[in-house]
Amino acid sequence: MSNSPVDIMKICVTAKESGIDAQVEERFGRAPYFVFIDEESGDAATVLNTGAGGAGGVGIKSAQTMVDNGAKVVITGQVGGNANSALSAAGIAVYTYRAGGSVKDAVAAYQAGTLQRIL
């Protein structure tokens, strides 16, 4: 798959804490927070992942949060099979970021076209 960005409006980055300076969380479904960035305005909003501690189905619940918040791109470390299917069905592109940086760093890498698209 291409690693060049798609034309989108809203990006979601999985995060360990709230805000654009938070460190990226590599586990999609278990991420404590989702930081949504409007690529056009630069505005960011953090959403608590209420399903992160669940026993099962956390990936699908997280994928639904992406849909509910209008994300067109997700940046994370890894995505499980069920979440992968749900994100694919919703037409949401997924890029991998494992550099250990901040949400802001991950978005900059995406915008530079240096992230690998995994879905």
PDB file of N, CA and C in Angstrom:
ATOM      1  N   MET A   1       0.835  -1.187   0.000  1.00  0.00           N
ATOM      2  CA  MET A   1       0.000   0.000   0.000  1.00  0.00           C
ATOM      3  C   MET A   1       0.877   1.247   0.000  1.00  0.00           C
ATOM      4  N   SER A   2       0.339   2.304  -0.495  1.00  0.00           N
ATOM      5  CA  SER A   2       1.046   3.575  -0.562  1.00  0.00           C
ATOM      6  C   SER A   2       1.213   4.165   0.833  1.00  0.00           C
ATOM      7  N   ASN A   3       2.299   4.911   1.016  1.00  0.00           N
ATOM      8  CA  ASN A   3       2.468   5.581   2.300  1.00  0.00           C
ATOM      9  C   ASN A   3       2.192   7.075   2.181  1.00  0.00           C
ATOM     10  N   SER A   4       1.623   7.504   1.060  1.00  0.00           N
ATOM     11  CA  SER A   4       1.292   8.914   0.917  1.00  0.00           C
ATOM     12  C   SER A   4      -0.085   9.186   1.517  1.00  0.00           C
ATOM     13  N   PRO A   5      -0.221  10.346   2.173  1.00  0.00           N
ATOM     14  CA  PRO A   5      -1.481  10.663   2.844  1.00  0.00           C
ATOM     15  C   PRO A   5      -2.657  10.737   1.881  1.00  0.00           C
ATOM     16  N   VAL A   6      -3.812  10.341   2.376  1.00  0.00           N
ATOM     17  CA  VAL A   6      -5.044  10.494   1.609  1.00  0.00           C
ATOM     18  C   VAL A   6      -5.611  11.881   1.928  1.00  0.00           C
ATOM     19  N   ASP A   7      -6.486  12.381   1.088  1.00  0.00           N
ATOM     20  CA  ASP A   7      -7.087  13.696   1.295  1.00  0.00           C
ATOM     21  C   ASP A   7      -8.168  13.570   2.366  1.00  0.00           C
ATOM     22  N   ILE A   8      -7.885  14.065   3.561  1.00  0.00           N
ATOM     23  CA  ILE A   8      -8.804  13.878   4.686  1.00  0.00           C
ATOM     24  C   ILE A   8      -8.997  15.168   5.465  1.00  0.00           C
ATOM     25  N   MET A   9      -9.911  15.104   6.397  1.00  0.00           N
ATOM     26  CA  MET A   9     -10.174  16.240   7.267  1.00  0.00           C
ATOM     27  C   MET A   9      -9.821  15.941   8.724  1.00  0.00           C
ATOM     28  N   LYS A  10     -10.044  14.703   9.188  1.00  0.00           N
ATOM     29  CA  LYS A  10      -9.834  14.409  10.603  1.00  0.00           C
ATOM     30  C   LYS A  10      -8.958  13.175  10.793  1.00  0.00           C
ATOM     31  N   ILE A  11      -7.934  13.340  11.635  1.00  0.00           N
ATOM     32  CA  ILE A  11      -6.983  12.283  11.957  1.00  0.00           C
ATOM     33  C   ILE A  11      -7.183  11.917  13.423  1.00  0.00           C
ATOM     34  N   CYS A  12      -7.071  10.629  13.750  1.00  0.00           N
ATOM     35  CA  CYS A  12      -7.082  10.209  15.150  1.00  0.00           C
ATOM     36  C   CYS A  12      -5.765   9.519  15.464  1.00  0.00           C
ATOM     37  N   VAL A  13      -5.169   9.885  16.589  1.00  0.00           N
ATOM     38  CA  VAL A  13      -3.945   9.248  17.062  1.00  0.00           C
ATOM     39  C   VAL A  13      -4.240   8.633  18.423  1.00  0.00           C
ATOM     40  N   THR A  14      -3.855   7.366  18.603  1.00  0.00           N
ATOM     41  CA  THR A  14      -4.033   6.714  19.900  1.00  0.00           C
ATOM     42  C   THR A  14      -2.985   7.262  20.864  1.00  0.00           C
ATOM     43  N   ALA A  15      -3.400   7.557  22.099  1.00  0.00           N
ATOM     44  CA  ALA A  15      -2.507   8.237  23.032  1.00  0.00           C
ATOM     45  C   ALA A  15      -2.584   7.656  24.438  1.00  0.00           C
ATOM     46  N   LYS A  16      -1.471   7.821  25.168  1.00  0.00           N
ATOM     47  CA  LYS A  16      -1.391   7.366  26.558  1.00  0.00           C
ATOM     48  C   LYS A  16      -2.052   8.363  27.510  1.00  0.00           C
ATOM     49  N   GLU A  17      -2.108   9.632  27.102  1.00  0.00           N
ATOM     50  CA  GLU A  17      -2.696  10.694  27.912  1.00  0.00           C
ATOM     51  C   GLU A  17      -3.473  11.630  27.000  1.00  0.00           C
ATOM     52  N   SER A  18      -4.046  12.660  27.570  1.00  0.00           N
ATOM     53  CA  SER A  18      -4.832  13.633  26.819  1.00  0.00           C
ATOM     54  C   SER A  18      -3.928  14.672  26.152  1.00  0.00           C
ATOM     55  N   GLY A  19      -4.280  15.092  24.947  1.00  0.00           N
ATOM     56  CA  GLY A  19      -3.610  16.217  24.302  1.00  0.00           C
ATOM     57  C   GLY A  19      -2.591  15.847  23.246  1.00  0.00           C
ATOM     58  N   ILE A  20      -2.199  16.848  22.453  1.00  0.00           N
ATOM     59  CA  ILE A  20      -1.293  16.593  21.330  1.00  0.00           C
ATOM     60  C   ILE A  20       0.148  16.353  21.758  1.00  0.00           C
ATOM     61  N   ASP A  21       0.489  16.699  22.992  1.00  0.00           N
ATOM     62  CA  ASP A  21       1.845  16.445  23.479  1.00  0.00           C
ATOM     63  C   ASP A  21       1.974  15.086  24.164  1.00  0.00           C
ATOM     64  N   ALA A  22       0.873  14.348  24.243  1.00  0.00           N
ATOM     65  CA  ALA A  22       0.878  13.019  24.871  1.00  0.00           C
ATOM     66  C   ALA A  22       1.667  12.034  24.016  1.00  0.00           C
ATOM     67  N   GLN A  23       2.229  11.023  24.667  1.00  0.00           N
ATOM     68  CA  GLN A  23       2.943   9.964  23.955  1.00  0.00           C
ATOM     69  C   GLN A  23       1.939   9.067  23.238  1.00  0.00           C
ATOM     70  N   VAL A  24       2.309   8.624  22.037  1.00  0.00           N
ATOM     71  CA  VAL A  24       1.456   7.727  21.258  1.00  0.00           C
ATOM     72  C   VAL A  24       1.366   6.375  21.956  1.00  0.00           C
ATOM     73  N   GLU A  25       0.158   5.839  22.045  1.00  0.00           N
ATOM     74  CA  GLU A  25      -0.092   4.479  22.555  1.00  0.00           C
ATOM     75  C   GLU A  25      -0.114   3.550  21.348  1.00  0.00           C
ATOM     76  N   GLU A  26       0.650   2.472  21.408  1.00  0.00           N
ATOM     77  CA  GLU A  26       0.765   1.574  20.260  1.00  0.00           C
ATOM     78  C   GLU A  26      -0.389   0.596  20.112  1.00  0.00           C
ATOM     79  N   ARG A  27      -1.189   0.387  21.144  1.00  0.00           N
ATOM     80  CA  ARG A  27      -2.303  -0.577  21.068  1.00  0.00           C
ATOM     81  C   ARG A  27      -3.597   0.171  20.778  1.00  0.00           C
ATOM     82  N   PHE A  28      -4.163  -0.071  19.622  1.00  0.00           N
ATOM     83  CA  PHE A  28      -5.364   0.656  19.200  1.00  0.00           C
ATOM     84  C   PHE A  28      -6.522   0.482  20.180  1.00  0.00           C
ATOM     85  N   GLY A  29      -6.977  -0.735  20.374  1.00  0.00           N
ATOM     86  CA  GLY A  29      -8.153  -0.983  21.204  1.00  0.00           C
ATOM     87  C   GLY A  29      -7.956  -0.698  22.679  1.00  0.00           C
ATOM     88  N   ARG A  30      -6.720  -0.782  23.146  1.00  0.00           N
ATOM     89  CA  ARG A  30      -6.414  -0.568  24.568  1.00  0.00           C
ATOM     90  C   ARG A  30      -5.885   0.831  24.871  1.00  0.00           C
ATOM     91  N   ALA A  31      -5.859   1.683  23.869  1.00  0.00           N
ATOM     92  CA  ALA A  31      -5.374   3.053  24.084  1.00  0.00           C
ATOM     93  C   ALA A  31      -6.280   3.772  25.083  1.00  0.00           C
ATOM     94  N   PRO A  32      -5.709   4.395  26.110  1.00  0.00           N
ATOM     95  CA  PRO A  32      -6.541   5.112  27.080  1.00  0.00           C
ATOM     96  C   PRO A  32      -7.277   6.310  26.472  1.00  0.00           C
ATOM     97  N   TYR A  33      -6.653   6.941  25.471  1.00  0.00           N
ATOM     98  CA  TYR A  33      -7.237   8.142  24.869  1.00  0.00           C
ATOM     99  C   TYR A  33      -7.112   8.110  23.351  1.00  0.00           C
ATOM    100  N   PHE A  34      -8.025   8.813  22.712  1.00  0.00           N
ATOM    101  CA  PHE A  34      -7.962   9.063  21.278  1.00  0.00           C
ATOM    102  C   PHE A  34      -7.898  10.578  21.102  1.00  0.00           C
ATOM    103  N   VAL A  35      -6.895  11.042  20.375  1.00  0.00           N
ATOM    104  CA  VAL A  35      -6.780  12.472  20.099  1.00  0.00           C
ATOM    105  C   VAL A  35      -7.163  12.688  18.636  1.00  0.00           C
ATOM    106  N   PHE A  36      -8.229  13.442  18.430  1.00  0.00           N
ATOM    107  CA  PHE A  36      -8.734  13.743  17.093  1.00  0.00           C
ATOM    108  C   PHE A  36      -8.240  15.124  16.683  1.00  0.00           C
ATOM    109  N   ILE A  37      -7.620  15.192  15.515  1.00  0.00           N
ATOM    110  CA  ILE A  37      -7.084  16.445  15.009  1.00  0.00           C
ATOM    111  C   ILE A  37      -7.767  16.788  13.697  1.00  0.00           C
ATOM    112  N   ASP A  38      -8.328  17.983  13.628  1.00  0.00           N
ATOM    113  CA  ASP A  38      -8.894  18.484  12.381  1.00  0.00           C
ATOM    114  C   ASP A  38      -7.716  19.006  11.562  1.00  0.00           C
ATOM    115  N   GLU A  39      -7.416  18.336  10.462  1.00  0.00           N
ATOM    116  CA  GLU A  39      -6.228  18.682   9.687  1.00  0.00           C
ATOM    117  C   GLU A  39      -6.319  20.083   9.089  1.00  0.00           C
ATOM    118  N   GLU A  40      -7.507  20.536   8.789  1.00  0.00           N
ATOM    119  CA  GLU A  40      -7.679  21.855   8.177  1.00  0.00           C
ATOM    120  C   GLU A  40      -7.454  22.983   9.184  1.00  0.00           C
ATOM    121  N   SER A  41      -8.080  22.880  10.356  1.00  0.00           N
ATOM    122  CA  SER A  41      -7.992  23.952  11.354  1.00  0.00           C
ATOM    123  C   SER A  41      -6.867  23.743  12.364  1.00  0.00           C
ATOM    124  N   GLY A  42      -6.435  22.484  12.536  1.00  0.00           N
ATOM    125  CA  GLY A  42      -5.429  22.170  13.545  1.00  0.00           C
ATOM    126  C   GLY A  42      -6.010  21.958  14.928  1.00  0.00           C
ATOM    127  N   ASP A  43      -7.321  22.122  15.080  1.00  0.00           N
ATOM    128  CA  ASP A  43      -7.967  21.923  16.377  1.00  0.00           C
ATOM    129  C   ASP A  43      -7.858  20.462  16.797  1.00  0.00           C
ATOM    130  N   ALA A  44      -7.651  20.249  18.095  1.00  0.00           N
ATOM    131  CA  ALA A  44      -7.546  18.891  18.631  1.00  0.00           C
ATOM    132  C   ALA A  44      -8.549  18.696  19.755  1.00  0.00           C
ATOM    133  N   ALA A  45      -9.097  17.489  19.826  1.00  0.00           N
ATOM    134  CA  ALA A  45     -10.021  17.118  20.897  1.00  0.00           C
ATOM    135  C   ALA A  45      -9.666  15.713  21.354  1.00  0.00           C
ATOM    136  N   THR A  46      -9.644  15.512  22.659  1.00  0.00           N
ATOM    137  CA  THR A  46      -9.316  14.206  23.215  1.00  0.00           C
ATOM    138  C   THR A  46     -10.586  13.521  23.698  1.00  0.00           C
ATOM    139  N   VAL A  47     -10.695  12.230  23.370  1.00  0.00           N
ATOM    140  CA  VAL A  47     -11.828  11.413  23.796  1.00  0.00           C
ATOM    141  C   VAL A  47     -11.284  10.257  24.631  1.00  0.00           C
ATOM    142  N   LEU A  48     -11.846  10.067  25.821  1.00  0.00           N
ATOM    143  CA  LEU A  48     -11.484   8.940  26.672  1.00  0.00           C
ATOM    144  C   LEU A  48     -11.995   7.653  26.043  1.00  0.00           C
ATOM    145  N   ASN A  49     -11.143   6.635  25.969  1.00  0.00           N
ATOM    146  CA  ASN A  49     -11.558   5.329  25.445  1.00  0.00           C
ATOM    147  C   ASN A  49     -12.175   4.544  26.592  1.00  0.00           C
ATOM    148  N   THR A  50     -13.478   4.605  26.711  1.00  0.00           N
ATOM    149  CA  THR A  50     -14.179   3.960  27.822  1.00  0.00           C
ATOM    150  C   THR A  50     -14.129   2.443  27.744  1.00  0.00           C
ATOM    151  N   GLY A  51     -13.814   1.889  26.581  1.00  0.00           N
ATOM    152  CA  GLY A  51     -13.752   0.442  26.434  1.00  0.00           C
ATOM    153  C   GLY A  51     -12.372  -0.148  26.609  1.00  0.00           C
ATOM    154  N   ALA A  52     -11.366   0.671  26.884  1.00  0.00           N
ATOM    155  CA  ALA A  52      -9.979   0.200  26.924  1.00  0.00           C
ATOM    156  C   ALA A  52      -9.745  -0.931  27.917  1.00  0.00           C
ATOM    157  N   GLY A  53     -10.456  -0.943  29.018  1.00  0.00           N
ATOM    158  CA  GLY A  53     -10.245  -1.955  30.042  1.00  0.00           C
ATOM    159  C   GLY A  53     -11.165  -3.148  29.934  1.00  0.00           C
ATOM    160  N   GLY A  54     -11.957  -3.213  28.881  1.00  0.00           N
ATOM    161  CA  GLY A  54     -12.922  -4.298  28.723  1.00  0.00           C
ATOM    162  C   GLY A  54     -12.272  -5.651  28.507  1.00  0.00           C
ATOM    163  N   ALA A  55     -13.043  -6.696  28.748  1.00  0.00           N
ATOM    164  CA  ALA A  55     -12.537  -8.063  28.606  1.00  0.00           C
ATOM    165  C   ALA A  55     -12.396  -8.475  27.151  1.00  0.00           C
ATOM    166  N   GLY A  56     -13.237  -7.951  26.290  1.00  0.00           N
ATOM    167  CA  GLY A  56     -13.183  -8.311  24.876  1.00  0.00           C
ATOM    168  C   GLY A  56     -13.956  -7.329  24.039  1.00  0.00           C
ATOM    169  N   GLY A  57     -13.725  -7.364  22.745  1.00  0.00           N
ATOM    170  CA  GLY A  57     -14.431  -6.490  21.823  1.00  0.00           C
ATOM    171  C   GLY A  57     -13.992  -5.045  21.859  1.00  0.00           C
ATOM    172  N   VAL A  58     -12.822  -4.788  22.476  1.00  0.00           N
ATOM    173  CA  VAL A  58     -12.382  -3.398  22.620  1.00  0.00           C
ATOM    174  C   VAL A  58     -12.013  -2.769  21.283  1.00  0.00           C
ATOM    175  N   GLY A  59     -11.496  -3.565  20.365  1.00  0.00           N
ATOM    176  CA  GLY A  59     -11.123  -3.032  19.058  1.00  0.00           C
ATOM    177  C   GLY A  59     -12.318  -2.565  18.265  1.00  0.00           C
ATOM    178  N   ILE A  60     -13.387  -3.348  18.308  1.00  0.00           N
ATOM    179  CA  ILE A  60     -14.603  -2.981  17.581  1.00  0.00           C
ATOM    180  C   ILE A  60     -15.226  -1.728  18.197  1.00  0.00           C
ATOM    181  N   LYS A  61     -15.243  -1.645  19.528  1.00  0.00           N
ATOM    182  CA  LYS A  61     -15.775  -0.450  20.192  1.00  0.00           C
ATOM    183  C   LYS A  61     -14.934   0.774  19.843  1.00  0.00           C
ATOM    184  N   SER A  62     -13.629   0.586  19.796  1.00  0.00           N
ATOM    185  CA  SER A  62     -12.737   1.693  19.443  1.00  0.00           C
ATOM    186  C   SER A  62     -12.955   2.127  18.002  1.00  0.00           C
ATOM    187  N   ALA A  63     -13.150   1.165  17.107  1.00  0.00           N
ATOM    188  CA  ALA A  63     -13.429   1.492  15.703  1.00  0.00           C
ATOM    189  C   ALA A  63     -14.721   2.298  15.596  1.00  0.00           C
ATOM    190  N   GLN A  64     -15.720   1.946  16.392  1.00  0.00           N
ATOM    191  CA  GLN A  64     -16.977   2.696  16.382  1.00  0.00           C
ATOM    192  C   GLN A  64     -16.753   4.129  16.858  1.00  0.00           C
ATOM    193  N   THR A  65     -15.860   4.313  17.825  1.00  0.00           N
ATOM    194  CA  THR A  65     -15.524   5.661  18.288  1.00  0.00           C
ATOM    195  C   THR A  65     -14.917   6.478  17.150  1.00  0.00           C
ATOM    196  N   MET A  66     -14.117   5.827  16.300  1.00  0.00           N
ATOM    197  CA  MET A  66     -13.536   6.521  15.141  1.00  0.00           C
ATOM    198  C   MET A  66     -14.646   7.009  14.215  1.00  0.00           C
ATOM    199  N   VAL A  67     -15.591   6.123  13.933  1.00  0.00           N
ATOM    200  CA  VAL A  67     -16.717   6.463  13.056  1.00  0.00           C
ATOM    201  C   VAL A  67     -17.538   7.597  13.673  1.00  0.00           C
ATOM    202  N   ASP A  68     -17.866   7.461  14.955  1.00  0.00           N
ATOM    203  CA  ASP A  68     -18.701   8.450  15.642  1.00  0.00           C
ATOM    204  C   ASP A  68     -18.073   9.842  15.649  1.00  0.00           C
ATOM    205  N   ASN A  69     -16.734   9.892  15.639  1.00  0.00           N
ATOM    206  CA  ASN A  69     -16.028  11.171  15.704  1.00  0.00           C
ATOM    207  C   ASN A  69     -15.514  11.648  14.351  1.00  0.00           C
ATOM    208  N   GLY A  70     -15.865  10.937  13.291  1.00  0.00           N
ATOM    209  CA  GLY A  70     -15.549  11.393  11.940  1.00  0.00           C
ATOM    210  C   GLY A  70     -14.123  11.212  11.477  1.00  0.00           C
ATOM    211  N   ALA A  71     -13.371  10.314  12.111  1.00  0.00           N
ATOM    212  CA  ALA A  71     -11.982  10.089  11.689  1.00  0.00           C
ATOM    213  C   ALA A  71     -11.937   9.430  10.317  1.00  0.00           C
ATOM    214  N   LYS A  72     -11.018   9.891   9.500  1.00  0.00           N
ATOM    215  CA  LYS A  72     -10.770   9.281   8.193  1.00  0.00           C
ATOM    216  C   LYS A  72      -9.435   8.556   8.175  1.00  0.00           C
ATOM    217  N   VAL A  73      -8.574   8.885   9.148  1.00  0.00           N
ATOM    218  CA  VAL A  73      -7.254   8.269   9.284  1.00  0.00           C
ATOM    219  C   VAL A  73      -7.013   7.984  10.755  1.00  0.00           C
ATOM    220  N   VAL A  74      -6.440   6.811  11.047  1.00  0.00           N
ATOM    221  CA  VAL A  74      -6.007   6.459  12.398  1.00  0.00           C
ATOM    222  C   VAL A  74      -4.504   6.231  12.352  1.00  0.00           C
ATOM    223  N   ILE A  75      -3.805   6.788  13.340  1.00  0.00           N
ATOM    224  CA  ILE A  75      -2.375   6.552  13.500  1.00  0.00           C
ATOM    225  C   ILE A  75      -2.192   5.842  14.827  1.00  0.00           C
ATOM    226  N   THR A  76      -1.594   4.648  14.778  1.00  0.00           N
ATOM    227  CA  THR A  76      -1.419   3.816  15.965  1.00  0.00           C
ATOM    228  C   THR A  76      -0.257   2.862  15.721  1.00  0.00           C
ATOM    229  N   GLY A  77       0.058   2.047  16.708  1.00  0.00           N
ATOM    230  CA  GLY A  77       1.126   1.069  16.537  1.00  0.00           C
ATOM    231  C   GLY A  77       0.646  -0.208  15.885  1.00  0.00           C
ATOM    232  N   GLN A  78      -0.426  -0.771  16.431  1.00  0.00           N
ATOM    233  CA  GLN A  78      -0.956  -2.026  15.902  1.00  0.00           C
ATOM    234  C   GLN A  78      -2.461  -2.089  16.099  1.00  0.00           C
ATOM    235  N   VAL A  79      -3.102  -2.848  15.207  1.00  0.00           N
ATOM    236  CA  VAL A  79      -4.553  -3.001  15.234  1.00  0.00           C
ATOM    237  C   VAL A  79      -4.866  -4.485  15.172  1.00  0.00           C
ATOM    238  N   GLY A  80      -5.742  -4.963  16.055  1.00  0.00           N
ATOM    239  CA  GLY A  80      -6.152  -6.364  16.051  1.00  0.00           C
ATOM    240  C   GLY A  80      -7.063  -6.686  14.878  1.00  0.00           C
ATOM    241  N   GLY A  81      -7.300  -7.968  14.670  1.00  0.00           N
ATOM    242  CA  GLY A  81      -8.072  -8.440  13.529  1.00  0.00           C
ATOM    243  C   GLY A  81      -9.487  -7.912  13.450  1.00  0.00           C
ATOM    244  N   ASN A  82     -10.220  -7.940  14.560  1.00  0.00           N
ATOM    245  CA  ASN A  82     -11.607  -7.463  14.547  1.00  0.00           C
ATOM    246  C   ASN A  82     -11.683  -5.960  14.298  1.00  0.00           C
ATOM    247  N   ALA A  83     -10.784  -5.213  14.932  1.00  0.00           N
ATOM    248  CA  ALA A  83     -10.750  -3.765  14.715  1.00  0.00           C
ATOM    249  C   ALA A  83     -10.351  -3.465  13.278  1.00  0.00           C
ATOM    250  N   ASN A  84      -9.409  -4.238  12.759  1.00  0.00           N
ATOM    251  CA  ASN A  84      -8.962  -4.084  11.380  1.00  0.00           C
ATOM    252  C   ASN A  84     -10.143  -4.215  10.423  1.00  0.00           C
ATOM    253  N   SER A  85     -10.950  -5.241  10.635  1.00  0.00           N
ATOM    254  CA  SER A  85     -12.128  -5.468   9.789  1.00  0.00           C
ATOM    255  C   SER A  85     -13.130  -4.326   9.906  1.00  0.00           C
ATOM    256  N   ALA A  86     -13.368  -3.865  11.126  1.00  0.00           N
ATOM    257  CA  ALA A  86     -14.332  -2.787  11.350  1.00  0.00           C
ATOM    258  C   ALA A  86     -13.858  -1.472  10.732  1.00  0.00           C
ATOM    259  N   LEU A  87     -12.578  -1.166  10.886  1.00  0.00           N
ATOM    260  CA  LEU A  87     -12.035   0.062  10.305  1.00  0.00           C
ATOM    261  C   LEU A  87     -12.067   0.002   8.782  1.00  0.00           C
ATOM    262  N   SER A  88     -11.737  -1.161   8.244  1.00  0.00           N
ATOM    263  CA  SER A  88     -11.764  -1.350   6.794  1.00  0.00           C
ATOM    264  C   SER A  88     -13.177  -1.153   6.250  1.00  0.00           C
ATOM    265  N   ALA A  89     -14.155  -1.755   6.925  1.00  0.00           N
ATOM    266  CA  ALA A  89     -15.551  -1.632   6.500  1.00  0.00           C
ATOM    267  C   ALA A  89     -16.025  -0.179   6.541  1.00  0.00           C
ATOM    268  N   ALA A  90     -15.466   0.605   7.463  1.00  0.00           N
ATOM    269  CA  ALA A  90     -15.847   2.011   7.598  1.00  0.00           C
ATOM    270  C   ALA A  90     -15.064   2.920   6.648  1.00  0.00           C
ATOM    271  N   GLY A  91     -14.100   2.351   5.923  1.00  0.00           N
ATOM    272  CA  GLY A  91     -13.308   3.146   4.990  1.00  0.00           C
ATOM    273  C   GLY A  91     -12.288   4.040   5.657  1.00  0.00           C
ATOM    274  N   ILE A  92     -11.834   3.646   6.849  1.00  0.00           N
ATOM    275  CA  ILE A  92     -10.857   4.435   7.598  1.00  0.00           C
ATOM    276  C   ILE A  92      -9.460   3.890   7.322  1.00  0.00           C
ATOM    277  N   ALA A  93      -8.559   4.764   6.895  1.00  0.00           N
ATOM    278  CA  ALA A  93      -7.170   4.387   6.619  1.00  0.00           C
ATOM    279  C   ALA A  93      -6.409   4.290   7.941  1.00  0.00           C
ATOM    280  N   VAL A  94      -5.507   3.311   8.049  1.00  0.00           N
ATOM    281  CA  VAL A  94      -4.715   3.129   9.262  1.00  0.00           C
ATOM    282  C   VAL A  94      -3.235   3.178   8.898  1.00  0.00           C
ATOM    283  N   TYR A  95      -2.498   3.981   9.658  1.00  0.00           N
ATOM    284  CA  TYR A  95      -1.055   4.114   9.477  1.00  0.00           C
ATOM    285  C   TYR A  95      -0.367   3.706  10.771  1.00  0.00           C
ATOM    286  N   THR A  96       0.799   3.070  10.630  1.00  0.00           N
ATOM    287  CA  THR A  96       1.532   2.630  11.808  1.00  0.00           C
ATOM    288  C   THR A  96       2.578   3.663  12.209  1.00  0.00           C
ATOM    289  N   TYR A  97       2.681   3.887  13.520  1.00  0.00           N
ATOM    290  CA  TYR A  97       3.671   4.807  14.085  1.00  0.00           C
ATOM    291  C   TYR A  97       4.232   4.151  15.331  1.00  0.00           C
ATOM    292  N   ARG A  98       5.531   3.869  15.313  1.00  0.00           N
ATOM    293  CA  ARG A  98       6.162   3.194  16.450  1.00  0.00           C
ATOM    294  C   ARG A  98       7.427   3.910  16.911  1.00  0.00           C
ATOM    295  N   ALA A  99       7.506   5.190  16.653  1.00  0.00           N
ATOM    296  CA  ALA A  99       8.719   5.937  16.977  1.00  0.00           C
ATOM    297  C   ALA A  99       8.783   6.374  18.438  1.00  0.00           C
ATOM    298  N   GLY A 100       7.701   6.153  19.191  1.00  0.00           N
ATOM    299  CA  GLY A 100       7.704   6.509  20.605  1.00  0.00           C
ATOM    300  C   GLY A 100       7.552   7.996  20.868  1.00  0.00           C
ATOM    301  N   GLY A 101       7.144   8.756  19.871  1.00  0.00           N
ATOM    302  CA  GLY A 101       7.005  10.193  20.029  1.00  0.00           C
ATOM    303  C   GLY A 101       5.618  10.611  20.479  1.00  0.00           C
ATOM    304  N   SER A 102       5.364  11.888  20.329  1.00  0.00           N
ATOM    305  CA  SER A 102       4.086  12.467  20.748  1.00  0.00           C
ATOM    306  C   SER A 102       3.052  12.380  19.630  1.00  0.00           C
ATOM    307  N   VAL A 103       1.824  12.682  19.994  1.00  0.00           N
ATOM    308  CA  VAL A 103       0.741  12.761  19.013  1.00  0.00           C
ATOM    309  C   VAL A 103       1.121  13.766  17.929  1.00  0.00           C
ATOM    310  N   LYS A 104       1.649  14.907  18.347  1.00  0.00           N
ATOM    311  CA  LYS A 104       2.066  15.952  17.405  1.00  0.00           C
ATOM    312  C   LYS A 104       3.124  15.417  16.435  1.00  0.00           C
ATOM    313  N   ASP A 105       4.092  14.637  16.951  1.00  0.00           N
ATOM    314  CA  ASP A 105       5.136  14.041  16.109  1.00  0.00           C
ATOM    315  C   ASP A 105       4.534  13.070  15.094  1.00  0.00           C
ATOM    316  N   ALA A 106       3.571  12.272  15.538  1.00  0.00           N
ATOM    317  CA  ALA A 106       2.936  11.285  14.661  1.00  0.00           C
ATOM    318  C   ALA A 106       2.174  11.969  13.531  1.00  0.00           C
ATOM    319  N   VAL A 107       1.472  13.047  13.849  1.00  0.00           N
ATOM    320  CA  VAL A 107       0.730  13.784  12.822  1.00  0.00           C
ATOM    321  C   VAL A 107       1.704  14.409  11.824  1.00  0.00           C
ATOM    322  N   ALA A 108       2.805  14.956  12.319  1.00  0.00           N
ATOM    323  CA  ALA A 108       3.809  15.551  11.425  1.00  0.00           C
ATOM    324  C   ALA A 108       4.392  14.495  10.490  1.00  0.00           C
ATOM    325  N   ALA A 109       4.655  13.293  11.020  1.00  0.00           N
ATOM    326  CA  ALA A 109       5.183  12.203  10.191  1.00  0.00           C
ATOM    327  C   ALA A 109       4.163  11.788   9.137  1.00  0.00           C
ATOM    328  N   TYR A 110       2.903  11.744   9.514  1.00  0.00           N
ATOM    329  CA  TYR A 110       1.837  11.422   8.557  1.00  0.00           C
ATOM    330  C   TYR A 110       1.785  12.474   7.454  1.00  0.00           C
ATOM    331  N   GLN A 111       1.788  13.733   7.845  1.00  0.00           N
ATOM    332  CA  GLN A 111       1.687  14.814   6.865  1.00  0.00           C
ATOM    333  C   GLN A 111       2.902  14.866   5.941  1.00  0.00           C
ATOM    334  N   ALA A 112       4.050  14.395   6.437  1.00  0.00           N
ATOM    335  CA  ALA A 112       5.264  14.335   5.616  1.00  0.00           C
ATOM    336  C   ALA A 112       5.264  13.119   4.689  1.00  0.00           C
ATOM    337  N   GLY A 113       4.295  12.211   4.883  1.00  0.00           N
ATOM    338  CA  GLY A 113       4.201  11.022   4.037  1.00  0.00           C
ATOM    339  C   GLY A 113       5.187   9.926   4.391  1.00  0.00           C
ATOM    340  N   THR A 114       5.672   9.917   5.652  1.00  0.00           N
ATOM    341  CA  THR A 114       6.692   8.935   6.035  1.00  0.00           C
ATOM    342  C   THR A 114       6.148   7.724   6.790  1.00  0.00           C
ATOM    343  N   LEU A 115       4.851   7.686   7.063  1.00  0.00           N
ATOM    344  CA  LEU A 115       4.279   6.547   7.778  1.00  0.00           C
ATOM    345  C   LEU A 115       3.825   5.472   6.803  1.00  0.00           C
ATOM    346  N   GLN A 116       3.893   4.222   7.259  1.00  0.00           N
ATOM    347  CA  GLN A 116       3.438   3.102   6.437  1.00  0.00           C
ATOM    348  C   GLN A 116       1.944   2.894   6.638  1.00  0.00           C
ATOM    349  N   ARG A 117       1.224   2.832   5.526  1.00  0.00           N
ATOM    350  CA  ARG A 117      -0.211   2.545   5.591  1.00  0.00           C
ATOM    351  C   ARG A 117      -0.390   1.042   5.731  1.00  0.00           C
ATOM    352  N   ILE A 118      -1.141   0.635   6.766  1.00  0.00           N
ATOM    353  CA  ILE A 118      -1.363  -0.795   6.992  1.00  0.00           C
ATOM    354  C   ILE A 118      -2.793  -1.206   6.672  1.00  0.00           C
ATOM    355  N   LEU A 119      -3.648  -0.244   6.408  1.00  0.00           N
ATOM    356  CA  LEU A 119      -5.047  -0.539   6.048  1.00  0.00           C
ATOM    357  C   LEU A 119      -5.605   0.594   5.224  1.00  0.00           C
TER     358      LEU A 119
END
